[in-house]
Amino acid sequence: MDFNRIVTMITRMFTRRATNWGIRKGIDLAAGKGKPASQMTAQERQLARKGRQAVKLARKSARLGRKMGR
């Protein structure tokens, strides 16, 4: 393997990790992860829990889609 391929491979690894980190942070921000649980009402906690479950399902679906696309 030549040096250029190794550099390209490492660059792709870091780019992929950075992109995934940014997407996760954006989803968490959009899901309303702003208040601590102690300051939320029971209804807000329930909505936050449902939002986290939806995000988890979206991540799983995206992972499955990428796996099937290979």
N, C-alpha and C. Protein backbone atom coordinates (compact mmCIF):
# COMPACT_ATOMS: atom_id res chain seq x y z
N MET A 1 0.85 -1.18 0.00
CA MET A 1 0.00 0.00 0.00
C MET A 1 0.89 1.24 0.00
N ASP A 2 0.60 2.15 -0.87
CA ASP A 2 1.42 3.36 -0.93
C ASP A 2 0.95 4.41 0.09
N PHE A 3 1.79 5.37 0.29
CA PHE A 3 1.56 6.38 1.33
C PHE A 3 0.29 7.19 1.08
N ASN A 4 0.00 7.49 -0.17
CA ASN A 4 -1.18 8.29 -0.51
C ASN A 4 -2.47 7.58 -0.10
N ARG A 5 -2.53 6.27 -0.31
CA ARG A 5 -3.72 5.51 0.08
C ARG A 5 -3.91 5.51 1.59
N ILE A 6 -2.79 5.39 2.33
CA ILE A 6 -2.87 5.38 3.79
C ILE A 6 -3.39 6.73 4.30
N VAL A 7 -2.87 7.80 3.74
CA VAL A 7 -3.31 9.15 4.15
C VAL A 7 -4.79 9.34 3.81
N THR A 8 -5.20 8.89 2.65
CA THR A 8 -6.61 9.00 2.26
C THR A 8 -7.50 8.21 3.21
N MET A 9 -7.09 7.02 3.56
CA MET A 9 -7.87 6.16 4.45
C MET A 9 -8.02 6.82 5.83
N ILE A 10 -6.93 7.34 6.36
CA ILE A 10 -6.98 7.99 7.68
C ILE A 10 -7.83 9.26 7.63
N THR A 11 -7.72 10.01 6.56
CA THR A 11 -8.52 11.22 6.41
C THR A 11 -10.00 10.89 6.37
N ARG A 12 -10.36 9.84 5.66
CA ARG A 12 -11.77 9.42 5.60
C ARG A 12 -12.28 8.99 6.96
N MET A 13 -11.45 8.28 7.72
CA MET A 13 -11.86 7.84 9.06
C MET A 13 -12.17 9.05 9.94
N PHE A 14 -11.29 10.04 9.95
CA PHE A 14 -11.52 11.22 10.78
C PHE A 14 -12.71 12.03 10.29
N THR A 15 -12.86 12.15 8.99
CA THR A 15 -14.00 12.89 8.44
C THR A 15 -15.31 12.21 8.81
N ARG A 16 -15.35 10.90 8.72
CA ARG A 16 -16.57 10.15 9.06
C ARG A 16 -16.92 10.34 10.54
N ARG A 17 -15.91 10.25 11.40
CA ARG A 17 -16.17 10.43 12.83
C ARG A 17 -16.65 11.84 13.14
N ALA A 18 -16.03 12.82 12.53
CA ALA A 18 -16.43 14.21 12.78
C ALA A 18 -17.85 14.47 12.28
N THR A 19 -18.18 13.92 11.13
CA THR A 19 -19.53 14.09 10.58
C THR A 19 -20.57 13.43 11.48
N ASN A 20 -20.30 12.20 11.91
CA ASN A 20 -21.24 11.50 12.78
C ASN A 20 -21.41 12.23 14.11
N TRP A 21 -20.32 12.77 14.65
CA TRP A 21 -20.39 13.52 15.90
C TRP A 21 -21.29 14.75 15.71
N GLY A 22 -21.10 15.46 14.61
CA GLY A 22 -21.90 16.65 14.35
C GLY A 22 -23.37 16.33 14.16
N ILE A 23 -23.65 15.25 13.48
CA ILE A 23 -25.05 14.85 13.27
C ILE A 23 -25.69 14.49 14.60
N ARG A 24 -24.98 13.73 15.43
CA ARG A 24 -25.52 13.36 16.74
C ARG A 24 -25.80 14.58 17.60
N LYS A 25 -24.87 15.53 17.61
CA LYS A 25 -25.06 16.74 18.41
C LYS A 25 -26.26 17.54 17.90
N GLY A 26 -26.41 17.62 16.59
CA GLY A 26 -27.54 18.35 16.01
C GLY A 26 -28.87 17.70 16.34
N ILE A 27 -28.91 16.38 16.29
CA ILE A 27 -30.15 15.66 16.63
C ILE A 27 -30.48 15.86 18.10
N ASP A 28 -29.47 15.77 18.97
CA ASP A 28 -29.71 15.97 20.39
C ASP A 28 -30.22 17.39 20.66
N LEU A 29 -29.67 18.37 19.98
CA LEU A 29 -30.10 19.74 20.15
C LEU A 29 -31.54 19.91 19.65
N ALA A 30 -31.85 19.31 18.51
CA ALA A 30 -33.21 19.41 17.96
C ALA A 30 -34.22 18.67 18.82
N ALA A 31 -33.78 17.62 19.51
CA ALA A 31 -34.69 16.85 20.35
C ALA A 31 -35.01 17.60 21.64
N GLY A 32 -34.38 18.73 21.87
CA GLY A 32 -34.71 19.55 23.02
C GLY A 32 -34.01 19.11 24.29
N LYS A 33 -32.78 18.72 24.16
CA LYS A 33 -32.04 18.27 25.33
C LYS A 33 -31.47 19.50 26.03
N GLY A 34 -32.33 20.29 26.64
CA GLY A 34 -31.88 21.53 27.20
C GLY A 34 -32.03 21.63 28.71
N LYS A 35 -33.11 21.11 29.25
CA LYS A 35 -33.38 21.23 30.68
C LYS A 35 -32.90 19.99 31.42
N PRO A 36 -32.42 20.17 32.63
CA PRO A 36 -32.14 19.00 33.46
C PRO A 36 -33.45 18.33 33.89
N ALA A 37 -33.42 17.05 34.17
CA ALA A 37 -34.64 16.31 34.52
C ALA A 37 -35.30 16.86 35.78
N SER A 38 -34.51 17.42 36.68
CA SER A 38 -35.09 17.93 37.93
C SER A 38 -35.96 19.16 37.70
N GLN A 39 -35.73 19.88 36.61
CA GLN A 39 -36.52 21.09 36.32
C GLN A 39 -37.70 20.82 35.41
N MET A 40 -37.84 19.60 34.93
CA MET A 40 -38.93 19.27 34.01
C MET A 40 -40.17 18.80 34.77
N THR A 41 -41.32 19.03 34.17
CA THR A 41 -42.55 18.47 34.71
C THR A 41 -42.63 17.01 34.24
N ALA A 42 -43.58 16.27 34.78
CA ALA A 42 -43.73 14.86 34.41
C ALA A 42 -44.02 14.72 32.91
N GLN A 43 -44.84 15.64 32.39
CA GLN A 43 -45.18 15.58 30.97
C GLN A 43 -43.95 15.88 30.11
N GLU A 44 -43.15 16.86 30.51
CA GLU A 44 -41.94 17.18 29.75
C GLU A 44 -40.95 16.02 29.76
N ARG A 45 -40.83 15.35 30.91
CA ARG A 45 -39.94 14.19 31.00
C ARG A 45 -40.39 13.08 30.06
N GLN A 46 -41.71 12.86 30.02
CA GLN A 46 -42.25 11.84 29.13
C GLN A 46 -41.99 12.19 27.66
N LEU A 47 -42.18 13.45 27.30
CA LEU A 47 -41.91 13.88 25.93
C LEU A 47 -40.43 13.74 25.58
N ALA A 48 -39.56 14.08 26.54
CA ALA A 48 -38.13 13.95 26.31
C ALA A 48 -37.74 12.49 26.12
N ARG A 49 -38.34 11.61 26.91
CA ARG A 49 -38.06 10.18 26.79
C ARG A 49 -38.49 9.67 25.42
N LYS A 50 -39.67 10.08 24.97
CA LYS A 50 -40.15 9.66 23.65
C LYS A 50 -39.26 10.21 22.55
N GLY A 51 -38.79 11.43 22.72
CA GLY A 51 -37.88 12.03 21.74
C GLY A 51 -36.58 11.26 21.65
N ARG A 52 -36.03 10.87 22.82
CA ARG A 52 -34.79 10.08 22.81
C ARG A 52 -34.99 8.73 22.14
N GLN A 53 -36.15 8.12 22.39
CA GLN A 53 -36.44 6.83 21.74
C GLN A 53 -36.55 7.00 20.23
N ALA A 54 -37.16 8.09 19.79
CA ALA A 54 -37.28 8.35 18.36
C ALA A 54 -35.91 8.56 17.73
N VAL A 55 -35.05 9.28 18.44
CA VAL A 55 -33.69 9.52 17.94
C VAL A 55 -32.93 8.22 17.84
N LYS A 56 -33.08 7.36 18.85
CA LYS A 56 -32.40 6.07 18.85
C LYS A 56 -32.85 5.23 17.65
N LEU A 57 -34.16 5.25 17.39
CA LEU A 57 -34.69 4.51 16.25
C LEU A 57 -34.19 5.09 14.92
N ALA A 58 -34.10 6.41 14.84
CA ALA A 58 -33.60 7.05 13.62
C ALA A 58 -32.15 6.67 13.37
N ARG A 59 -31.34 6.66 14.43
CA ARG A 59 -29.94 6.26 14.28
C ARG A 59 -29.83 4.82 13.82
N LYS A 60 -30.65 3.94 14.43
CA LYS A 60 -30.63 2.53 14.03
C LYS A 60 -31.02 2.36 12.57
N SER A 61 -32.05 3.10 12.15
CA SER A 61 -32.51 3.02 10.77
C SER A 61 -31.44 3.53 9.80
N ALA A 62 -30.79 4.61 10.17
CA ALA A 62 -29.73 5.15 9.32
C ALA A 62 -28.57 4.16 9.21
N ARG A 63 -28.23 3.54 10.33
CA ARG A 63 -27.15 2.54 10.32
C ARG A 63 -27.52 1.36 9.43
N LEU A 64 -28.77 0.90 9.54
CA LEU A 64 -29.23 -0.22 8.72
C LEU A 64 -29.24 0.16 7.25
N GLY A 65 -29.67 1.38 6.94
CA GLY A 65 -29.68 1.85 5.56
C GLY A 65 -28.29 1.91 4.96
N ARG A 66 -27.33 2.37 5.76
CA ARG A 66 -25.96 2.41 5.27
C ARG A 66 -25.42 1.00 5.05
N LYS A 67 -25.79 0.10 5.96
CA LYS A 67 -25.32 -1.28 5.84
C LYS A 67 -25.89 -1.95 4.58
N MET A 68 -27.16 -1.68 4.30
CA MET A 68 -27.80 -2.27 3.11
C MET A 68 -27.28 -1.64 1.83
N GLY A 69 -26.81 -0.41 1.91
CA GLY A 69 -26.31 0.30 0.73
C GLY A 69 -24.94 -0.17 0.27
N ARG A 70 -24.30 -0.96 1.08
CA ARG A 70 -22.94 -1.42 0.72
C ARG A 70 -22.96 -2.46 -0.37
